[in-house]
Amino acid sequence: MSQEELRILPNIAYLIRKTHMGYKEIMKLNYPIFLSLLRENQIMDLKETEEGREYLRQIERLKVTTPDIGKLSKLGGYQKAGDNK
């Protein structure tokens, strides 16, 4: 068994348990497919508990990259571009 296989063995065991696929079948998967299966199964597990759902809501907020101008304008000291009053 390679070092890489040893490093990801917990993930392989997790997918075997969740997907009912065999070790050889999982090892034949393309790596992006392996990662997608891993991600989706972990998300499904998180959705089963309130704590997991809250965690997913929190990390979803971290993906937001554009500012909410409406909320920002309500803060004191905020000025729109070109507003030099």
PDB file of N, CA and C in Angstrom:
ATOM      1  N   MET A   1       0.854  -1.174   0.000  1.00  0.00           N
ATOM      2  CA  MET A   1       0.000   0.000   0.000  1.00  0.00           C
ATOM      3  C   MET A   1       0.896   1.231   0.000  1.00  0.00           C
ATOM      4  N   SER A   2       0.571   2.194  -0.856  1.00  0.00           N
ATOM      5  CA  SER A   2       1.392   3.399  -0.974  1.00  0.00           C
ATOM      6  C   SER A   2       1.133   4.351   0.198  1.00  0.00           C
ATOM      7  N   GLN A   3       2.015   5.327   0.361  1.00  0.00           N
ATOM      8  CA  GLN A   3       1.862   6.336   1.412  1.00  0.00           C
ATOM      9  C   GLN A   3       0.563   7.115   1.205  1.00  0.00           C
ATOM     10  N   GLU A   4       0.252   7.421  -0.045  1.00  0.00           N
ATOM     11  CA  GLU A   4      -0.979   8.160  -0.351  1.00  0.00           C
ATOM     12  C   GLU A   4      -2.205   7.353   0.070  1.00  0.00           C
ATOM     13  N   GLU A   5      -2.202   6.054  -0.211  1.00  0.00           N
ATOM     14  CA  GLU A   5      -3.326   5.207   0.191  1.00  0.00           C
ATOM     15  C   GLU A   5      -3.458   5.159   1.711  1.00  0.00           C
ATOM     16  N   LEU A   6      -2.332   5.095   2.411  1.00  0.00           N
ATOM     17  CA  LEU A   6      -2.377   5.094   3.874  1.00  0.00           C
ATOM     18  C   LEU A   6      -2.924   6.405   4.418  1.00  0.00           C
ATOM     19  N   ARG A   7      -2.562   7.499   3.771  1.00  0.00           N
ATOM     20  CA  ARG A   7      -3.006   8.820   4.217  1.00  0.00           C
ATOM     21  C   ARG A   7      -4.512   8.978   4.044  1.00  0.00           C
ATOM     22  N   ILE A   8      -5.058   8.438   2.961  1.00  0.00           N
ATOM     23  CA  ILE A   8      -6.487   8.619   2.705  1.00  0.00           C
ATOM     24  C   ILE A   8      -7.326   7.408   3.116  1.00  0.00           C
ATOM     25  N   LEU A   9      -6.699   6.438   3.793  1.00  0.00           N
ATOM     26  CA  LEU A   9      -7.420   5.233   4.189  1.00  0.00           C
ATOM     27  C   LEU A   9      -8.684   5.516   5.012  1.00  0.00           C
ATOM     28  N   PRO A  10      -8.678   6.472   5.955  1.00  0.00           N
ATOM     29  CA  PRO A  10      -9.939   6.766   6.660  1.00  0.00           C
ATOM     30  C   PRO A  10     -11.053   7.213   5.712  1.00  0.00           C
ATOM     31  N   ASN A  11     -10.698   7.992   4.685  1.00  0.00           N
ATOM     32  CA  ASN A  11     -11.694   8.427   3.703  1.00  0.00           C
ATOM     33  C   ASN A  11     -12.180   7.260   2.850  1.00  0.00           C
ATOM     34  N   ILE A  12     -11.273   6.353   2.528  1.00  0.00           N
ATOM     35  CA  ILE A  12     -11.648   5.160   1.760  1.00  0.00           C
ATOM     36  C   ILE A  12     -12.601   4.303   2.579  1.00  0.00           C
ATOM     37  N   ALA A  13     -12.278   4.102   3.854  1.00  0.00           N
ATOM     38  CA  ALA A  13     -13.142   3.310   4.735  1.00  0.00           C
ATOM     39  C   ALA A  13     -14.510   3.968   4.881  1.00  0.00           C
ATOM     40  N   TYR A  14     -14.526   5.276   4.993  1.00  0.00           N
ATOM     41  CA  TYR A  14     -15.785   6.026   5.096  1.00  0.00           C
ATOM     42  C   TYR A  14     -16.640   5.791   3.856  1.00  0.00           C
ATOM     43  N   LEU A  15     -16.034   5.904   2.669  1.00  0.00           N
ATOM     44  CA  LEU A  15     -16.800   5.709   1.433  1.00  0.00           C
ATOM     45  C   LEU A  15     -17.258   4.262   1.260  1.00  0.00           C
ATOM     46  N   ILE A  16     -16.453   3.323   1.686  1.00  0.00           N
ATOM     47  CA  ILE A  16     -16.877   1.920   1.628  1.00  0.00           C
ATOM     48  C   ILE A  16     -18.145   1.744   2.457  1.00  0.00           C
ATOM     49  N   ARG A  17     -18.148   2.320   3.651  1.00  0.00           N
ATOM     50  CA  ARG A  17     -19.303   2.202   4.539  1.00  0.00           C
ATOM     51  C   ARG A  17     -20.525   2.932   3.986  1.00  0.00           C
ATOM     52  N   LYS A  18     -20.324   4.126   3.419  1.00  0.00           N
ATOM     53  CA  LYS A  18     -21.445   4.938   2.963  1.00  0.00           C
ATOM     54  C   LYS A  18     -21.992   4.500   1.604  1.00  0.00           C
ATOM     55  N   THR A  19     -21.114   4.066   0.693  1.00  0.00           N
ATOM     56  CA  THR A  19     -21.553   3.757  -0.665  1.00  0.00           C
ATOM     57  C   THR A  19     -21.753   2.271  -0.909  1.00  0.00           C
ATOM     58  N   HIS A  20     -21.269   1.437   0.007  1.00  0.00           N
ATOM     59  CA  HIS A  20     -21.324  -0.024  -0.132  1.00  0.00           C
ATOM     60  C   HIS A  20     -20.516  -0.508  -1.337  1.00  0.00           C
ATOM     61  N   MET A  21     -19.545   0.297  -1.759  1.00  0.00           N
ATOM     62  CA  MET A  21     -18.624  -0.116  -2.811  1.00  0.00           C
ATOM     63  C   MET A  21     -17.475  -0.868  -2.146  1.00  0.00           C
ATOM     64  N   GLY A  22     -16.791  -1.691  -2.908  1.00  0.00           N
ATOM     65  CA  GLY A  22     -15.630  -2.391  -2.392  1.00  0.00           C
ATOM     66  C   GLY A  22     -14.368  -1.546  -2.506  1.00  0.00           C
ATOM     67  N   TYR A  23     -13.326  -1.979  -1.801  1.00  0.00           N
ATOM     68  CA  TYR A  23     -12.048  -1.257  -1.820  1.00  0.00           C
ATOM     69  C   TYR A  23     -11.524  -1.106  -3.242  1.00  0.00           C
ATOM     70  N   LYS A  24     -11.495  -2.200  -3.989  1.00  0.00           N
ATOM     71  CA  LYS A  24     -10.960  -2.138  -5.356  1.00  0.00           C
ATOM     72  C   LYS A  24     -11.796  -1.220  -6.239  1.00  0.00           C
ATOM     73  N   GLU A  25     -13.099  -1.254  -6.055  1.00  0.00           N
ATOM     74  CA  GLU A  25     -13.982  -0.402  -6.842  1.00  0.00           C
ATOM     75  C   GLU A  25     -13.717   1.077  -6.548  1.00  0.00           C
ATOM     76  N   ILE A  26     -13.540   1.408  -5.269  1.00  0.00           N
ATOM     77  CA  ILE A  26     -13.242   2.792  -4.895  1.00  0.00           C
ATOM     78  C   ILE A  26     -11.886   3.220  -5.430  1.00  0.00           C
ATOM     79  N   MET A  27     -10.905   2.328  -5.363  1.00  0.00           N
ATOM     80  CA  MET A  27      -9.559   2.672  -5.832  1.00  0.00           C
ATOM     81  C   MET A  27      -9.507   2.867  -7.345  1.00  0.00           C
ATOM     82  N   LYS A  28     -10.481   2.345  -8.072  1.00  0.00           N
ATOM     83  CA  LYS A  28     -10.520   2.535  -9.522  1.00  0.00           C
ATOM     84  C   LYS A  28     -11.185   3.851  -9.923  1.00  0.00           C
ATOM     85  N   LEU A  29     -11.797   4.529  -8.974  1.00  0.00           N
ATOM     86  CA  LEU A  29     -12.459   5.800  -9.274  1.00  0.00           C
ATOM     87  C   LEU A  29     -11.431   6.860  -9.673  1.00  0.00           C
ATOM     88  N   ASN A  30     -11.818   7.731 -10.592  1.00  0.00           N
ATOM     89  CA  ASN A  30     -10.982   8.901 -10.876  1.00  0.00           C
ATOM     90  C   ASN A  30     -10.944   9.749  -9.607  1.00  0.00           C
ATOM     91  N   TYR A  31      -9.820  10.398  -9.356  1.00  0.00           N
ATOM     92  CA  TYR A  31      -9.668  11.145  -8.113  1.00  0.00           C
ATOM     93  C   TYR A  31     -10.743  12.226  -7.946  1.00  0.00           C
ATOM     94  N   PRO A  32     -11.088  12.997  -9.000  1.00  0.00           N
ATOM     95  CA  PRO A  32     -12.170  13.988  -8.809  1.00  0.00           C
ATOM     96  C   PRO A  32     -13.505  13.341  -8.416  1.00  0.00           C
ATOM     97  N   ILE A  33     -13.798  12.169  -8.950  1.00  0.00           N
ATOM     98  CA  ILE A  33     -15.024  11.460  -8.589  1.00  0.00           C
ATOM     99  C   ILE A  33     -14.956  11.010  -7.126  1.00  0.00           C
ATOM    100  N   PHE A  34     -13.800  10.484  -6.735  1.00  0.00           N
ATOM    101  CA  PHE A  34     -13.587  10.079  -5.343  1.00  0.00           C
ATOM    102  C   PHE A  34     -13.844  11.257  -4.407  1.00  0.00           C
ATOM    103  N   LEU A  35     -13.247  12.419  -4.726  1.00  0.00           N
ATOM    104  CA  LEU A  35     -13.411  13.594  -3.873  1.00  0.00           C
ATOM    105  C   LEU A  35     -14.859  14.073  -3.854  1.00  0.00           C
ATOM    106  N   SER A  36     -15.531  14.007  -4.990  1.00  0.00           N
ATOM    107  CA  SER A  36     -16.931  14.423  -5.045  1.00  0.00           C
ATOM    108  C   SER A  36     -17.814  13.515  -4.193  1.00  0.00           C
ATOM    109  N   LEU A  37     -17.605  12.207  -4.292  1.00  0.00           N
ATOM    110  CA  LEU A  37     -18.366  11.269  -3.459  1.00  0.00           C
ATOM    111  C   LEU A  37     -18.114  11.528  -1.982  1.00  0.00           C
ATOM    112  N   LEU A  38     -16.862  11.762  -1.643  1.00  0.00           N
ATOM    113  CA  LEU A  38     -16.494  12.032  -0.258  1.00  0.00           C
ATOM    114  C   LEU A  38     -17.199  13.295   0.241  1.00  0.00           C
ATOM    115  N   ARG A  39     -17.109  14.361  -0.539  1.00  0.00           N
ATOM    116  CA  ARG A  39     -17.711  15.643  -0.165  1.00  0.00           C
ATOM    117  C   ARG A  39     -19.222  15.522   0.004  1.00  0.00           C
ATOM    118  N   GLU A  40     -19.890  14.941  -0.977  1.00  0.00           N
ATOM    119  CA  GLU A  40     -21.347  14.854  -0.933  1.00  0.00           C
ATOM    120  C   GLU A  40     -21.836  13.984   0.220  1.00  0.00           C
ATOM    121  N   ASN A  41     -21.140  12.894   0.498  1.00  0.00           N
ATOM    122  CA  ASN A  41     -21.537  12.045   1.620  1.00  0.00           C
ATOM    123  C   ASN A  41     -21.318  12.756   2.953  1.00  0.00           C
ATOM    124  N   GLN A  42     -20.231  13.519   3.064  1.00  0.00           N
ATOM    125  CA  GLN A  42     -19.990  14.264   4.293  1.00  0.00           C
ATOM    126  C   GLN A  42     -21.046  15.349   4.482  1.00  0.00           C
ATOM    127  N   ILE A  43     -21.446  16.007   3.402  1.00  0.00           N
ATOM    128  CA  ILE A  43     -22.494  17.030   3.486  1.00  0.00           C
ATOM    129  C   ILE A  43     -23.818  16.396   3.907  1.00  0.00           C
ATOM    130  N   MET A  44     -24.149  15.244   3.328  1.00  0.00           N
ATOM    131  CA  MET A  44     -25.388  14.561   3.713  1.00  0.00           C
ATOM    132  C   MET A  44     -25.375  14.194   5.196  1.00  0.00           C
ATOM    133  N   ASP A  45     -24.224  13.759   5.699  1.00  0.00           N
ATOM    134  CA  ASP A  45     -24.108  13.446   7.127  1.00  0.00           C
ATOM    135  C   ASP A  45     -24.319  14.693   7.982  1.00  0.00           C
ATOM    136  N   LEU A  46     -23.731  15.812   7.564  1.00  0.00           N
ATOM    137  CA  LEU A  46     -23.874  17.049   8.326  1.00  0.00           C
ATOM    138  C   LEU A  46     -25.324  17.529   8.355  1.00  0.00           C
ATOM    139  N   LYS A  47     -26.051  17.320   7.282  1.00  0.00           N
ATOM    140  CA  LYS A  47     -27.447  17.754   7.206  1.00  0.00           C
ATOM    141  C   LYS A  47     -28.357  16.973   8.148  1.00  0.00           C
ATOM    142  N   GLU A  48     -27.879  15.873   8.701  1.00  0.00           N
ATOM    143  CA  GLU A  48     -28.702  15.040   9.570  1.00  0.00           C
ATOM    144  C   GLU A  48     -28.829  15.584  10.998  1.00  0.00           C
ATOM    145  N   THR A  49     -27.971  16.519  11.384  1.00  0.00           N
ATOM    146  CA  THR A  49     -28.046  17.071  12.737  1.00  0.00           C
ATOM    147  C   THR A  49     -28.182  18.590  12.668  1.00  0.00           C
ATOM    148  N   GLU A  50     -28.779  19.169  13.712  1.00  0.00           N
ATOM    149  CA  GLU A  50     -28.921  20.625  13.758  1.00  0.00           C
ATOM    150  C   GLU A  50     -27.546  21.293  13.792  1.00  0.00           C
ATOM    151  N   GLU A  51     -26.599  20.708  14.539  1.00  0.00           N
ATOM    152  CA  GLU A  51     -25.244  21.268  14.599  1.00  0.00           C
ATOM    153  C   GLU A  51     -24.588  21.243  13.224  1.00  0.00           C
ATOM    154  N   GLY A  52     -24.792  20.167  12.496  1.00  0.00           N
ATOM    155  CA  GLY A  52     -24.231  20.051  11.149  1.00  0.00           C
ATOM    156  C   GLY A  52     -24.848  21.055  10.198  1.00  0.00           C
ATOM    157  N   ARG A  53     -26.158  21.235  10.289  1.00  0.00           N
ATOM    158  CA  ARG A  53     -26.830  22.218   9.431  1.00  0.00           C
ATOM    159  C   ARG A  53     -26.350  23.628   9.746  1.00  0.00           C
ATOM    160  N   GLU A  54     -26.152  23.928  11.025  1.00  0.00           N
ATOM    161  CA  GLU A  54     -25.633  25.246  11.405  1.00  0.00           C
ATOM    162  C   GLU A  54     -24.220  25.444  10.854  1.00  0.00           C
ATOM    163  N   TYR A  55     -23.398  24.424  10.946  1.00  0.00           N
ATOM    164  CA  TYR A  55     -22.039  24.498  10.394  1.00  0.00           C
ATOM    165  C   TYR A  55     -22.084  24.780   8.891  1.00  0.00           C
ATOM    166  N   LEU A  56     -22.963  24.099   8.171  1.00  0.00           N
ATOM    167  CA  LEU A  56     -23.082  24.325   6.726  1.00  0.00           C
ATOM    168  C   LEU A  56     -23.542  25.743   6.426  1.00  0.00           C
ATOM    169  N   ARG A  57     -24.455  26.287   7.240  1.00  0.00           N
ATOM    170  CA  ARG A  57     -24.888  27.678   7.044  1.00  0.00           C
ATOM    171  C   ARG A  57     -23.716  28.631   7.263  1.00  0.00           C
ATOM    172  N   GLN A  58     -22.915  28.364   8.278  1.00  0.00           N
ATOM    173  CA  GLN A  58     -21.779  29.238   8.573  1.00  0.00           C
ATOM    174  C   GLN A  58     -20.754  29.225   7.444  1.00  0.00           C
ATOM    175  N   ILE A  59     -20.428  28.044   6.931  1.00  0.00           N
ATOM    176  CA  ILE A  59     -19.412  28.013   5.870  1.00  0.00           C
ATOM    177  C   ILE A  59     -19.956  28.563   4.563  1.00  0.00           C
ATOM    178  N   GLU A  60     -21.275  28.511   4.380  1.00  0.00           N
ATOM    179  CA  GLU A  60     -21.869  29.105   3.177  1.00  0.00           C
ATOM    180  C   GLU A  60     -21.686  30.618   3.203  1.00  0.00           C
ATOM    181  N   ARG A  61     -21.822  31.219   4.391  1.00  0.00           N
ATOM    182  CA  ARG A  61     -21.617  32.668   4.510  1.00  0.00           C
ATOM    183  C   ARG A  61     -20.187  33.062   4.175  1.00  0.00           C
ATOM    184  N   LEU A  62     -19.234  32.174   4.440  1.00  0.00           N
ATOM    185  CA  LEU A  62     -17.836  32.488   4.155  1.00  0.00           C
ATOM    186  C   LEU A  62     -17.561  32.564   2.657  1.00  0.00           C
ATOM    187  N   LYS A  63     -18.429  31.960   1.850  1.00  0.00           N
ATOM    188  CA  LYS A  63     -18.247  31.975   0.399  1.00  0.00           C
ATOM    189  C   LYS A  63     -18.660  33.299  -0.234  1.00  0.00           C
ATOM    190  N   VAL A  64     -19.410  34.128   0.506  1.00  0.00           N
ATOM    191  CA  VAL A  64     -19.890  35.392  -0.040  1.00  0.00           C
ATOM    192  C   VAL A  64     -18.705  36.335  -0.210  1.00  0.00           C
ATOM    193  N   THR A  65     -18.523  36.815  -1.433  1.00  0.00           N
ATOM    194  CA  THR A  65     -17.365  37.677  -1.711  1.00  0.00           C
ATOM    195  C   THR A  65     -17.764  39.090  -2.099  1.00  0.00           C
ATOM    196  N   THR A  66     -19.055  39.343  -2.249  1.00  0.00           N
ATOM    197  CA  THR A  66     -19.492  40.693  -2.607  1.00  0.00           C
ATOM    198  C   THR A  66     -20.152  41.336  -1.393  1.00  0.00           C
ATOM    199  N   PRO A  67     -19.889  42.621  -1.169  1.00  0.00           N
ATOM    200  CA  PRO A  67     -20.457  43.283   0.002  1.00  0.00           C
ATOM    201  C   PRO A  67     -21.956  43.535  -0.169  1.00  0.00           C
ATOM    202  N   ASP A  68     -22.677  43.537   0.935  1.00  0.00           N
ATOM    203  CA  ASP A  68     -24.089  43.907   0.944  1.00  0.00           C
ATOM    204  C   ASP A  68     -24.144  45.415   1.160  1.00  0.00           C
ATOM    205  N   ILE A  69     -24.258  46.158   0.069  1.00  0.00           N
ATOM    206  CA  ILE A  69     -24.213  47.616   0.120  1.00  0.00           C
ATOM    207  C   ILE A  69     -25.342  48.167   0.992  1.00  0.00           C
ATOM    208  N   GLY A  70     -26.505  47.544   0.965  1.00  0.00           N
ATOM    209  CA  GLY A  70     -27.623  47.992   1.787  1.00  0.00           C
ATOM    210  C   GLY A  70     -27.292  47.966   3.268  1.00  0.00           C
ATOM    211  N   LYS A  71     -26.681  46.874   3.718  1.00  0.00           N
ATOM    212  CA  LYS A  71     -26.307  46.768   5.131  1.00  0.00           C
ATOM    213  C   LYS A  71     -25.160  47.715   5.465  1.00  0.00           C
ATOM    214  N   LEU A  72     -24.218  47.842   4.542  1.00  0.00           N
ATOM    215  CA  LEU A  72     -23.086  48.736   4.789  1.00  0.00           C
ATOM    216  C   LEU A  72     -23.527  50.189   4.900  1.00  0.00           C
ATOM    217  N   SER A  73     -24.506  50.584   4.100  1.00  0.00           N
ATOM    218  CA  SER A  73     -24.934  51.987   4.117  1.00  0.00           C
ATOM    219  C   SER A  73     -25.601  52.356   5.440  1.00  0.00           C
ATOM    220  N   LYS A  74     -26.081  51.365   6.173  1.00  0.00           N
ATOM    221  CA  LYS A  74     -26.706  51.626   7.472  1.00  0.00           C
ATOM    222  C   LYS A  74     -25.679  51.848   8.571  1.00  0.00           C
ATOM    223  N   LEU A  75     -24.428  51.468   8.325  1.00  0.00           N
ATOM    224  CA  LEU A  75     -23.375  51.657   9.309  1.00  0.00           C
ATOM    225  C   LEU A  75     -22.931  53.110   9.313  1.00  0.00           C
ATOM    226  N   GLY A  76     -22.596  53.645  10.462  1.00  0.00           N
ATOM    227  CA  GLY A  76     -22.121  55.018  10.548  1.00  0.00           C
ATOM    228  C   GLY A  76     -20.769  55.170   9.860  1.00  0.00           C
ATOM    229  N   GLY A  77     -20.565  56.300   9.209  1.00  0.00           N
ATOM    230  CA  GLY A  77     -19.289  56.574   8.570  1.00  0.00           C
ATOM    231  C   GLY A  77     -19.171  56.038   7.158  1.00  0.00           C
ATOM    232  N   TYR A  78     -20.197  55.379   6.668  1.00  0.00           N
ATOM    233  CA  TYR A  78     -20.150  54.836   5.310  1.00  0.00           C
ATOM    234  C   TYR A  78     -20.508  55.924   4.321  1.00  0.00           C
ATOM    235  N   GLN A  79     -19.721  56.027   3.243  1.00  0.00           N
ATOM    236  CA  GLN A  79     -20.003  56.971   2.177  1.00  0.00           C
ATOM    237  C   GLN A  79     -19.933  56.257   0.851  1.00  0.00           C
ATOM    238  N   LYS A  80     -20.843  56.611  -0.047  1.00  0.00           N
ATOM    239  CA  LYS A  80     -20.780  56.071  -1.388  1.00  0.00           C
ATOM    240  C   LYS A  80     -19.624  56.746  -2.119  1.00  0.00           C
ATOM    241  N   ALA A  81     -19.100  56.087  -3.132  1.00  0.00           N
ATOM    242  CA  ALA A  81     -18.011  56.652  -3.923  1.00  0.00           C
ATOM    243  C   ALA A  81     -18.472  57.988  -4.517  1.00  0.00           C
ATOM    244  N   GLY A  82     -17.666  59.009  -4.377  1.00  0.00           N
ATOM    245  CA  GLY A  82     -17.970  60.321  -4.919  1.00  0.00           C
ATOM    246  C   GLY A  82     -18.793  61.195  -3.987  1.00  0.00           C
ATOM    247  N   ASP A  83     -19.196  60.627  -2.840  1.00  0.00           N
ATOM    248  CA  ASP A  83     -19.998  61.371  -1.857  1.00  0.00           C
ATOM    249  C   ASP A  83     -19.060  61.938  -0.813  1.00  0.00           C
ATOM    250  N   ASN A  84     -18.592  63.185  -1.022  1.00  0.00           N
ATOM    251  CA  ASN A  84     -17.575  63.780  -0.132  1.00  0.00           C
ATOM    252  C   ASN A  84     -18.175  64.783   0.833  1.00  0.00           C
ATOM    253  N   LYS A  85     -19.331  64.539   1.342  1.00  0.00           N
ATOM    254  CA  LYS A  85     -19.968  65.456   2.279  1.00  0.00           C
ATOM    255  C   LYS A  85     -19.367  65.360   3.646  1.00  0.00           C
TER     256      LYS A  85
END
